[in-house]
Amino acid sequence: MILPKLLSKKKFAIYGLGTTGSSVIHYFKKNNFKDFFIWDDNKKIRNNFKKKINLKEFSKKLKEVDFIILSPGINIKKAKFRKQLMKNKHKIITDLDLFFMSGVKNKTIVVTGSNGKSTTCKIIEHMLRKSNIDSQLGGNIGTPVLSLRKRKKSIFVIEASSYQLAYSKFVKPTYAIILNISNDHLDWHGSMNNYVNSKMKIFSLQDKKGFALLNDNKLIKKLKKKGFSSKLKLVSIKPYKKIQRSIENSLLNSGANEKNMCFVYALSKILRIKDSLFIKSLKSFKGLHHRHEIFYKKRNVKFINDSKATSFEASKFALMNNENIFWIVGGLPKMKDKFYFKNIKKNIIKAYIVGKNVNFFKNELKKNVNFEISKTLKRALIQIFKKIKKLNYNKKITVLLSPASASFDQYRNFEERGNNFKKLVKLYANKSL
């Protein structure tokens, strides 16, 4: 992507210097663009960058710039320059906007939703690649969009978070997908309505050549009321069910991925990928780390790392599709998250609460699931292995980390939490089983 002349005359402020902010800086430098200013509320992070600016100077620059590129996840209500950001809210865009503003002519597939975004994007990218269609994967999963390579025939598969979409003003995907919407990130968005509206942004600027893929009639009605230009594709499970048995991949035929696959299949039909090629392409798909990742088995005990499950809705799949579960749960719960145990509690032997928010999980689990308070992953596993020793090994047993909450009370991110779990399992399983 090359910065168009129109944009090169604009002034930018970059707020947040993590992975996304750094990719924007690199993009500007690559295109010899110098009229931008940077800031991060964390002084240590700021000092890692040569282009420094003090508080007073940056406050002044926010008034002068044409656009403020905000890193995903930054809550402007809690930011150091919250007053200035609120006043200049109309200037706020994201790296996703800059990507589309850069004049990209490639076809784009933008996927959002409360659960399943990363997996679905990865499945789509895998399907395209195995179908000999040049594709690149980026956005909220792995590579920032501005770091994707410029190739004429590439289809860009982009995972878009609600954080990115909330301030987006120039997102224009060729194919836009909303997988599902449930209570998530309400502390950031302020309300469910705001959260839903942020997701709907992926349809707002589509033209007549674009496709909107949805499976929710309520969202469709809401979309029609607002008016839209793109071609609406109502995604149903029936077409996919006809070929599901032909896909020799147990991971993709599981409960949660079944819904994701309905969208992937609907997209394949729009892209005119033959069923035979579609079926063949997905045989080798292996899934993602930290998403129902069965990483270790010993005797009749399997260990599942589902650290990416940061809400109860996200944990439901693992709880519904396994048996005799020792469930490790806990962390930083999502606002207004509620646990529903119908058709699930029969699968759970016992839950082990980790993290600093013990009372929340006690209240959600009591009357439904037996539990112990472990506080740490290490302690939880020690307790679990002691319990397993007393059980009959002829039973199939599942040790499941599916926290139903964010990791930030004890870990930097869900990856660190998941990796720690895997490390501890391999350490203690050899000794205890």
Protein backbone atom coordinates (compact mmCIF):
# COMPACT_ATOMS: atom_id res chain seq x y z
CA MET A 1 0.00 0.00 0.00
CA ILE A 2 1.21 3.45 -0.90
CA LEU A 3 0.10 6.63 0.83
CA PRO A 4 -2.00 8.57 -1.74
CA LYS A 5 -1.21 12.20 -2.49
CA LEU A 6 -4.47 13.25 -0.88
CA LEU A 7 -3.44 11.69 2.44
CA SER A 8 0.14 12.87 2.22
CA LYS A 9 -1.15 16.41 2.69
CA LYS A 10 -2.86 15.52 5.96
CA LYS A 11 -1.47 15.66 9.48
CA PHE A 12 -1.74 12.61 11.75
CA ALA A 13 -1.41 11.81 15.43
CA ILE A 14 -0.71 8.19 16.42
CA TYR A 15 -2.11 7.37 19.87
CA GLY A 16 -0.82 4.08 21.25
CA LEU A 17 2.56 2.63 20.34
CA GLY A 18 2.01 -1.10 20.64
CA THR A 19 2.01 -3.51 17.68
CA THR A 20 -0.62 -1.54 15.75
CA GLY A 21 0.84 1.90 16.44
CA SER A 22 4.31 0.68 15.50
CA SER A 23 2.98 -0.69 12.19
CA VAL A 24 1.48 2.75 11.38
CA ILE A 25 4.83 4.45 12.12
CA HIS A 26 6.64 1.95 9.92
CA TYR A 27 4.09 2.50 7.16
CA PHE A 28 4.54 6.29 7.28
CA LYS A 29 8.32 6.04 7.27
CA LYS A 30 8.27 3.59 4.38
CA ASN A 31 6.26 6.11 2.38
CA ASN A 32 8.51 9.03 3.41
CA PHE A 33 5.71 10.69 5.29
CA LYS A 34 6.96 12.86 8.16
CA ASP A 35 4.02 15.01 9.27
CA PHE A 36 2.83 12.86 12.17
CA PHE A 37 3.09 12.90 15.95
CA ILE A 38 3.18 10.01 18.38
CA TRP A 39 2.04 9.34 21.91
CA ASP A 40 1.59 6.54 24.40
CA ASP A 41 0.30 6.97 27.96
CA ASN A 42 3.08 4.64 29.10
CA LYS A 43 6.29 6.69 29.49
CA LYS A 44 8.57 3.65 29.11
CA ILE A 45 6.98 2.80 25.76
CA ARG A 46 7.20 6.46 24.62
CA ASN A 47 10.90 6.55 25.41
CA ASN A 48 11.53 3.62 23.05
CA PHE A 49 10.74 5.90 20.11
CA LYS A 50 13.04 8.58 18.73
CA LYS A 51 10.25 10.95 17.80
CA LYS A 52 9.46 12.19 21.31
CA ILE A 53 6.96 14.84 22.27
CA ASN A 54 5.97 16.34 25.62
CA LEU A 55 2.49 16.59 27.15
CA LYS A 56 1.82 20.23 26.31
CA GLU A 57 3.09 19.88 22.76
CA PHE A 58 1.02 16.78 22.03
CA SER A 59 -2.11 18.36 23.50
CA LYS A 60 -1.64 21.28 21.10
CA LYS A 61 -0.97 18.97 18.12
CA LEU A 62 -4.24 17.07 18.70
CA LYS A 63 -6.09 20.26 17.79
CA GLU A 64 -4.06 20.74 14.61
CA VAL A 65 -4.06 17.24 13.10
CA ASP A 66 -6.58 16.00 10.54
CA PHE A 67 -6.72 12.43 11.85
CA ILE A 68 -5.95 10.68 15.14
CA ILE A 69 -5.03 7.02 14.61
CA LEU A 70 -6.09 5.25 17.79
CA SER A 71 -4.70 1.85 18.69
CA PRO A 72 -7.35 -0.85 19.28
CA GLY A 73 -8.18 -1.37 22.92
CA ILE A 74 -7.48 2.17 24.09
CA ASN A 75 -10.50 3.40 25.99
CA ILE A 76 -10.60 7.14 25.39
CA LYS A 77 -12.60 7.63 28.59
CA LYS A 78 -9.59 6.37 30.55
CA ALA A 79 -6.80 7.83 28.39
CA LYS A 80 -4.51 10.61 29.61
CA PHE A 81 -5.83 12.96 26.90
CA ARG A 82 -9.44 11.85 27.34
CA LYS A 83 -10.87 15.41 27.25
CA GLN A 84 -9.01 16.27 24.03
CA LEU A 85 -9.90 12.91 22.46
CA MET A 86 -13.59 13.36 23.28
CA LYS A 87 -13.55 16.86 21.73
CA ASN A 88 -11.81 15.56 18.63
CA LYS A 89 -13.72 12.27 18.39
CA HIS A 90 -14.66 13.04 14.78
CA LYS A 91 -10.96 12.86 13.85
CA ILE A 92 -10.37 9.39 15.33
CA ILE A 93 -9.71 6.56 12.89
CA THR A 94 -7.85 3.23 13.10
CA ASP A 95 -5.16 1.43 11.13
CA LEU A 96 -8.00 -0.41 9.39
CA ASP A 97 -9.26 2.92 8.03
CA LEU A 98 -5.80 3.90 6.86
CA PHE A 99 -5.54 0.57 5.05
CA PHE A 100 -8.69 1.28 3.02
CA MET A 101 -7.84 4.98 2.62
CA SER A 102 -4.54 3.96 1.04
CA GLY A 103 -6.35 3.07 -2.16
CA VAL A 104 -6.16 -0.73 -1.87
CA LYS A 105 -7.79 -2.26 -4.96
CA ASN A 106 -7.59 -5.89 -3.82
CA LYS A 107 -10.63 -7.89 -2.81
CA THR A 108 -11.04 -7.91 0.97
CA ILE A 109 -12.83 -10.28 3.33
CA VAL A 110 -13.51 -8.65 6.70
CA VAL A 111 -14.74 -10.90 9.52
CA THR A 112 -16.06 -9.78 12.89
CA GLY A 113 -18.17 -11.27 15.69
CA SER A 114 -18.02 -11.93 19.42
CA ASN A 115 -16.63 -15.46 19.06
CA GLY A 116 -14.88 -17.46 16.36
CA LYS A 117 -13.32 -14.59 14.38
CA SER A 118 -9.73 -15.84 14.41
CA THR A 119 -10.61 -19.44 13.64
CA THR A 120 -12.96 -18.46 10.81
CA CYS A 121 -10.37 -16.13 9.27
CA LYS A 122 -7.77 -18.88 9.45
CA ILE A 123 -10.16 -21.40 7.84
CA ILE A 124 -10.94 -18.93 5.03
CA GLU A 125 -7.26 -18.19 4.42
CA HIS A 126 -6.48 -21.94 4.42
CA MET A 127 -9.35 -22.66 2.00
CA LEU A 128 -8.19 -19.93 -0.41
CA ARG A 129 -4.56 -21.00 -0.29
CA LYS A 130 -5.39 -24.68 -0.86
CA SER A 131 -7.68 -23.61 -3.72
CA ASN A 132 -4.70 -21.88 -5.38
CA ILE A 133 -6.06 -18.40 -4.65
CA ASP A 134 -3.42 -15.95 -3.45
CA SER A 135 -4.39 -14.69 0.00
CA GLN A 136 -3.00 -12.89 3.03
CA LEU A 137 -4.25 -12.96 6.61
CA GLY A 138 -4.02 -10.00 8.98
CA GLY A 139 -5.75 -7.48 11.21
CA ASN A 140 -6.65 -8.45 14.76
CA ILE A 141 -5.03 -11.84 14.12
CA GLY A 142 -1.26 -11.74 13.75
CA THR A 143 -0.01 -9.30 11.11
CA PRO A 144 -1.32 -5.69 11.27
CA VAL A 145 -3.14 -4.77 8.06
CA LEU A 146 -0.61 -2.09 7.10
CA SER A 147 2.15 -4.70 7.23
CA LEU A 148 0.49 -6.97 4.66
CA ARG A 149 2.42 -7.31 1.41
CA LYS A 150 1.22 -5.58 -1.72
CA ARG A 151 0.39 -8.21 -4.33
CA LYS A 152 -2.04 -7.44 -7.16
CA LYS A 153 -4.03 -10.66 -7.05
CA SER A 154 -4.04 -11.16 -3.27
CA ILE A 155 -7.31 -11.44 -1.41
CA PHE A 156 -6.87 -9.88 2.03
CA VAL A 157 -8.56 -11.80 4.87
CA ILE A 158 -8.95 -9.39 7.79
CA GLU A 159 -10.12 -10.00 11.33
CA ALA A 160 -11.70 -6.82 12.69
CA SER A 161 -12.31 -6.27 16.40
CA SER A 162 -15.11 -4.12 17.81
CA TYR A 163 -12.39 -1.78 19.10
CA GLN A 164 -11.23 -1.11 15.56
CA LEU A 165 -14.70 -0.82 14.10
CA ALA A 166 -16.06 1.52 16.79
CA TYR A 167 -14.18 4.50 15.30
CA SER A 168 -13.92 3.27 11.72
CA LYS A 169 -15.09 5.66 9.03
CA PHE A 170 -13.57 4.31 5.82
CA VAL A 171 -13.86 0.52 6.03
CA LYS A 172 -15.11 -0.85 2.71
CA PRO A 173 -14.82 -4.65 2.46
CA THR A 174 -15.73 -6.63 -0.63
CA TYR A 175 -17.10 -9.40 1.57
CA ALA A 176 -18.27 -8.52 5.09
CA ILE A 177 -19.13 -11.19 7.68
CA ILE A 178 -20.67 -10.93 11.16
CA LEU A 179 -20.51 -14.39 12.76
CA ASN A 180 -22.43 -13.71 15.97
CA ILE A 181 -22.96 -11.08 18.66
CA SER A 182 -23.11 -11.71 22.41
CA ASN A 183 -22.31 -9.65 25.53
CA ASP A 184 -18.65 -8.68 25.20
CA HIS A 185 -16.43 -5.67 25.83
CA LEU A 186 -19.37 -3.74 27.33
CA ASP A 187 -17.02 -2.00 29.78
CA TRP A 188 -15.28 -0.50 26.72
CA HIS A 189 -18.33 0.22 24.52
CA GLY A 190 -20.62 1.37 27.32
CA SER A 191 -23.73 -0.46 26.11
CA MET A 192 -24.86 -3.43 24.06
CA ASN A 193 -26.33 -1.08 21.47
CA ASN A 194 -22.95 0.64 20.98
CA TYR A 195 -21.29 -2.75 20.69
CA VAL A 196 -23.75 -3.96 18.03
CA ASN A 197 -23.42 -0.72 16.08
CA SER A 198 -19.64 -1.04 16.03
CA LYS A 199 -19.94 -4.48 14.44
CA MET A 200 -22.43 -3.20 11.87
CA LYS A 201 -19.82 -0.71 10.62
CA ILE A 202 -18.41 -3.32 8.23
CA PHE A 203 -21.57 -2.97 6.10
CA SER A 204 -22.01 0.81 6.24
CA LEU A 205 -19.67 1.80 3.40
CA GLN A 206 -19.98 -1.21 1.14
CA ASP A 207 -21.05 -0.54 -2.45
CA LYS A 208 -23.24 -2.53 -4.86
CA LYS A 209 -20.36 -4.88 -5.66
CA GLY A 210 -20.00 -5.89 -2.01
CA PHE A 211 -21.56 -8.84 -0.17
CA ALA A 212 -22.94 -8.81 3.38
CA LEU A 213 -23.08 -12.25 5.05
CA LEU A 214 -25.29 -12.65 8.13
CA ASN A 215 -27.29 -15.40 9.85
CA ASP A 216 -29.18 -13.22 12.34
CA ASN A 217 -32.62 -11.97 11.29
CA LYS A 218 -32.58 -9.21 13.93
CA LEU A 219 -29.33 -7.83 12.50
CA ILE A 220 -30.70 -8.11 8.99
CA LYS A 221 -33.79 -6.07 9.95
CA LYS A 222 -31.55 -3.50 11.62
CA LEU A 223 -29.35 -3.35 8.53
CA LYS A 224 -32.35 -2.87 6.22
CA LYS A 225 -33.68 -0.02 8.36
CA LYS A 226 -30.37 1.81 8.07
CA GLY A 227 -30.18 1.14 4.37
CA PHE A 228 -27.31 -0.60 2.67
CA SER A 229 -25.94 -0.97 -0.83
CA SER A 230 -24.33 -4.40 -0.75
CA LYS A 231 -25.83 -7.75 -1.72
CA LEU A 232 -27.31 -9.48 1.30
CA LYS A 233 -26.51 -13.15 1.78
CA LEU A 234 -28.53 -14.91 4.48
CA VAL A 235 -26.32 -17.72 5.77
CA SER A 236 -28.15 -20.94 6.61
CA ILE A 237 -26.90 -24.25 7.98
CA LYS A 238 -28.84 -26.36 5.42
CA PRO A 239 -26.47 -25.98 2.41
CA TYR A 240 -23.43 -26.83 4.51
CA LYS A 241 -25.16 -29.85 6.10
CA LYS A 242 -25.39 -31.45 2.64
CA ILE A 243 -21.60 -31.69 2.32
CA GLN A 244 -20.54 -31.75 5.98
CA ARG A 245 -20.05 -35.52 6.11
CA SER A 246 -17.64 -35.33 3.18
CA ILE A 247 -15.23 -33.13 5.14
CA GLU A 248 -12.81 -35.48 6.85
CA ASN A 249 -11.81 -33.17 9.68
CA SER A 250 -13.27 -33.71 13.16
CA LEU A 251 -12.15 -30.25 14.28
CA LEU A 252 -14.26 -28.54 11.62
CA ASN A 253 -17.26 -30.76 12.20
CA SER A 254 -17.44 -29.92 15.89
CA GLY A 255 -20.29 -27.87 17.33
CA ALA A 256 -18.77 -24.38 17.40
CA ASN A 257 -16.93 -24.66 14.11
CA GLU A 258 -20.06 -25.95 12.41
CA LYS A 259 -21.51 -22.43 12.63
CA ASN A 260 -18.26 -20.89 11.42
CA MET A 261 -18.14 -23.35 8.54
CA CYS A 262 -21.61 -22.28 7.35
CA PHE A 263 -20.14 -18.84 6.65
CA VAL A 264 -17.01 -20.24 5.03
CA TYR A 265 -19.08 -22.45 2.76
CA ALA A 266 -21.43 -19.58 1.84
CA LEU A 267 -18.37 -17.50 0.97
CA SER A 268 -16.92 -20.34 -1.13
CA LYS A 269 -20.10 -20.39 -3.24
CA ILE A 270 -19.86 -16.63 -3.85
CA LEU A 271 -16.20 -17.09 -4.85
CA ARG A 272 -17.25 -19.99 -7.12
CA ILE A 273 -15.02 -22.55 -5.45
CA LYS A 274 -16.21 -26.03 -6.44
CA ASP A 275 -17.49 -28.30 -3.67
CA SER A 276 -14.88 -30.93 -4.48
CA LEU A 277 -12.07 -28.39 -4.05
CA PHE A 278 -13.70 -26.94 -0.93
CA ILE A 279 -13.87 -30.38 0.71
CA LYS A 280 -10.32 -31.27 -0.30
CA SER A 281 -8.87 -27.94 0.85
CA LEU A 282 -10.12 -28.27 4.43
CA LYS A 283 -8.93 -31.79 5.08
CA SER A 284 -5.52 -30.49 6.24
CA PHE A 285 -6.75 -27.65 8.49
CA LYS A 286 -5.32 -28.02 12.00
CA GLY A 287 -6.78 -25.15 13.99
CA LEU A 288 -5.19 -22.41 16.08
CA HIS A 289 -3.26 -22.38 19.33
CA HIS A 290 -5.24 -21.57 22.49
CA ARG A 291 -8.60 -22.34 20.82
CA HIS A 292 -9.81 -25.76 21.97
CA GLU A 293 -6.23 -26.94 21.47
CA ILE A 294 -5.88 -30.62 22.42
CA PHE A 295 -2.14 -30.50 23.01
CA TYR A 296 -1.42 -33.46 25.30
CA LYS A 297 -2.81 -36.92 26.03
CA LYS A 298 -1.72 -39.49 28.59
CA ARG A 299 -3.61 -42.69 29.32
CA ASN A 300 -7.27 -41.72 29.09
CA VAL A 301 -6.66 -38.11 30.08
CA LYS A 302 -6.64 -35.34 27.48
CA PHE A 303 -5.60 -31.76 28.15
CA ILE A 304 -7.23 -28.86 26.32
CA ASN A 305 -5.86 -25.33 26.14
CA ASP A 306 -8.83 -23.04 25.47
CA SER A 307 -7.25 -19.89 26.90
CA LYS A 308 -8.76 -17.72 24.14
CA ALA A 309 -12.21 -18.32 25.64
CA THR A 310 -12.61 -14.99 27.43
CA SER A 311 -16.40 -15.15 28.01
CA PHE A 312 -18.80 -17.86 29.06
CA GLU A 313 -20.30 -17.92 25.56
CA ALA A 314 -16.82 -18.73 24.23
CA SER A 315 -16.32 -21.49 26.84
CA LYS A 316 -19.66 -23.20 26.11
CA PHE A 317 -18.34 -25.14 23.12
CA ALA A 318 -15.61 -26.92 25.09
CA LEU A 319 -17.96 -27.60 28.01
CA MET A 320 -20.65 -29.02 25.72
CA ASN A 321 -18.35 -31.18 23.62
CA ASN A 322 -16.26 -32.95 26.25
CA GLU A 323 -17.01 -35.24 29.18
CA ASN A 324 -15.75 -35.82 32.72
CA ILE A 325 -14.28 -32.34 32.78
CA PHE A 326 -11.98 -30.85 35.36
CA TRP A 327 -12.62 -27.24 34.45
CA ILE A 328 -10.15 -24.43 35.21
CA VAL A 329 -12.06 -21.16 35.14
CA GLY A 330 -11.39 -17.60 36.27
CA GLY A 331 -9.67 -14.32 35.51
CA LEU A 332 -11.09 -10.93 34.69
CA PRO A 333 -14.81 -11.48 33.91
CA LYS A 334 -16.65 -9.60 31.17
CA MET A 335 -19.23 -7.04 32.22
CA LYS A 336 -22.76 -8.50 32.47
CA ASP A 337 -21.50 -11.98 31.57
CA LYS A 338 -23.86 -14.72 32.79
CA PHE A 339 -23.27 -18.45 33.06
CA TYR A 340 -25.94 -20.91 31.90
CA PHE A 341 -25.42 -24.57 32.76
CA LYS A 342 -28.36 -26.29 31.10
CA ASN A 343 -27.08 -29.37 29.19
CA ILE A 344 -23.54 -28.55 30.37
CA LYS A 345 -23.21 -29.28 34.10
CA LYS A 346 -23.56 -33.05 33.53
CA ASN A 347 -20.19 -32.92 31.73
CA ILE A 348 -18.33 -31.22 34.59
CA ILE A 349 -16.84 -33.20 37.47
CA LYS A 350 -15.45 -30.16 39.23
CA ALA A 351 -14.41 -26.55 38.57
CA TYR A 352 -11.24 -24.91 39.86
CA ILE A 353 -11.36 -21.15 40.26
CA VAL A 354 -8.16 -19.24 39.46
CA GLY A 355 -7.38 -15.53 39.37
CA LYS A 356 -8.26 -12.60 41.61
CA ASN A 357 -12.03 -12.43 41.04
CA VAL A 358 -13.03 -15.44 43.12
CA ASN A 359 -16.36 -14.08 44.39
CA PHE A 360 -17.77 -13.51 40.91
CA PHE A 361 -17.11 -17.11 39.87
CA LYS A 362 -18.31 -18.53 43.19
CA ASN A 363 -21.65 -16.80 42.67
CA GLU A 364 -21.93 -18.07 39.10
CA LEU A 365 -20.96 -21.66 39.90
CA LYS A 366 -22.79 -22.28 43.17
CA LYS A 367 -25.96 -24.42 42.91
CA ASN A 368 -24.71 -25.71 39.55
CA VAL A 369 -21.13 -27.01 39.70
CA ASN A 370 -18.88 -28.34 42.46
CA PHE A 371 -15.82 -26.17 42.77
CA GLU A 372 -12.59 -25.46 44.63
CA ILE A 373 -10.68 -22.19 44.94
CA SER A 374 -7.20 -22.59 43.49
CA LYS A 375 -6.09 -19.01 42.77
CA THR A 376 -3.27 -20.12 40.40
CA LEU A 377 -2.95 -22.52 37.46
CA LYS A 378 -0.20 -24.39 39.28
CA ARG A 379 -2.35 -24.98 42.34
CA ALA A 380 -5.34 -25.99 40.19
CA LEU A 381 -3.34 -28.66 38.37
CA ILE A 382 -1.91 -30.05 41.62
CA GLN A 383 -5.46 -30.39 42.96
CA ILE A 384 -6.69 -31.97 39.72
CA PHE A 385 -3.91 -34.55 39.51
CA LYS A 386 -4.60 -35.63 43.11
CA LYS A 387 -8.26 -36.11 42.20
CA ILE A 388 -7.50 -38.03 38.98
CA LYS A 389 -5.33 -40.52 40.89
CA LYS A 390 -8.42 -41.57 42.84
CA LEU A 391 -10.51 -42.12 39.69
CA ASN A 392 -10.80 -45.13 37.40
CA TYR A 393 -8.49 -44.62 34.39
CA ASN A 394 -10.96 -46.48 32.19
CA LYS A 395 -12.97 -43.29 32.17
CA LYS A 396 -12.19 -40.69 29.57
CA ILE A 397 -11.14 -37.57 31.46
CA THR A 398 -10.73 -34.00 30.23
CA VAL A 399 -8.59 -31.36 31.93
CA LEU A 400 -9.81 -28.11 30.45
CA LEU A 401 -8.47 -24.57 30.70
CA SER A 402 -11.38 -22.51 29.39
CA PRO A 403 -11.33 -19.47 31.68
CA ALA A 404 -14.50 -17.69 30.46
CA SER A 405 -12.69 -14.45 31.28
CA ALA A 406 -9.82 -12.20 30.26
CA SER A 407 -6.30 -12.90 31.49
CA PHE A 408 -5.17 -9.44 32.57
CA ASP A 409 -5.51 -10.01 36.32
CA GLN A 410 -2.55 -12.45 36.23
CA TYR A 411 -1.15 -12.48 32.67
CA ARG A 412 -0.28 -10.04 29.90
CA ASN A 413 -2.58 -11.83 27.45
CA PHE A 414 -4.39 -15.09 26.76
CA GLU A 415 -1.33 -16.47 24.91
CA GLU A 416 0.86 -16.17 28.00
CA ARG A 417 -1.85 -17.81 30.12
CA GLY A 418 -2.25 -20.68 27.64
CA ASN A 419 1.49 -21.25 27.29
CA ASN A 420 1.92 -21.34 31.07
CA PHE A 421 -0.85 -23.93 31.30
CA LYS A 422 0.78 -26.12 28.64
CA LYS A 423 4.16 -25.86 30.35
CA LEU A 424 2.75 -26.82 33.75
CA VAL A 425 0.74 -29.73 32.33
CA LYS A 426 3.76 -31.29 30.67
CA LEU A 427 5.78 -30.79 33.84
CA TYR A 428 3.29 -32.34 36.27
CA ALA A 429 1.59 -34.91 34.02
CA ASN A 430 4.78 -36.92 33.61
CA LYS A 431 5.16 -37.11 37.36
CA SER A 432 1.55 -37.58 38.36
CA LEU A 433 -0.10 -39.83 35.74
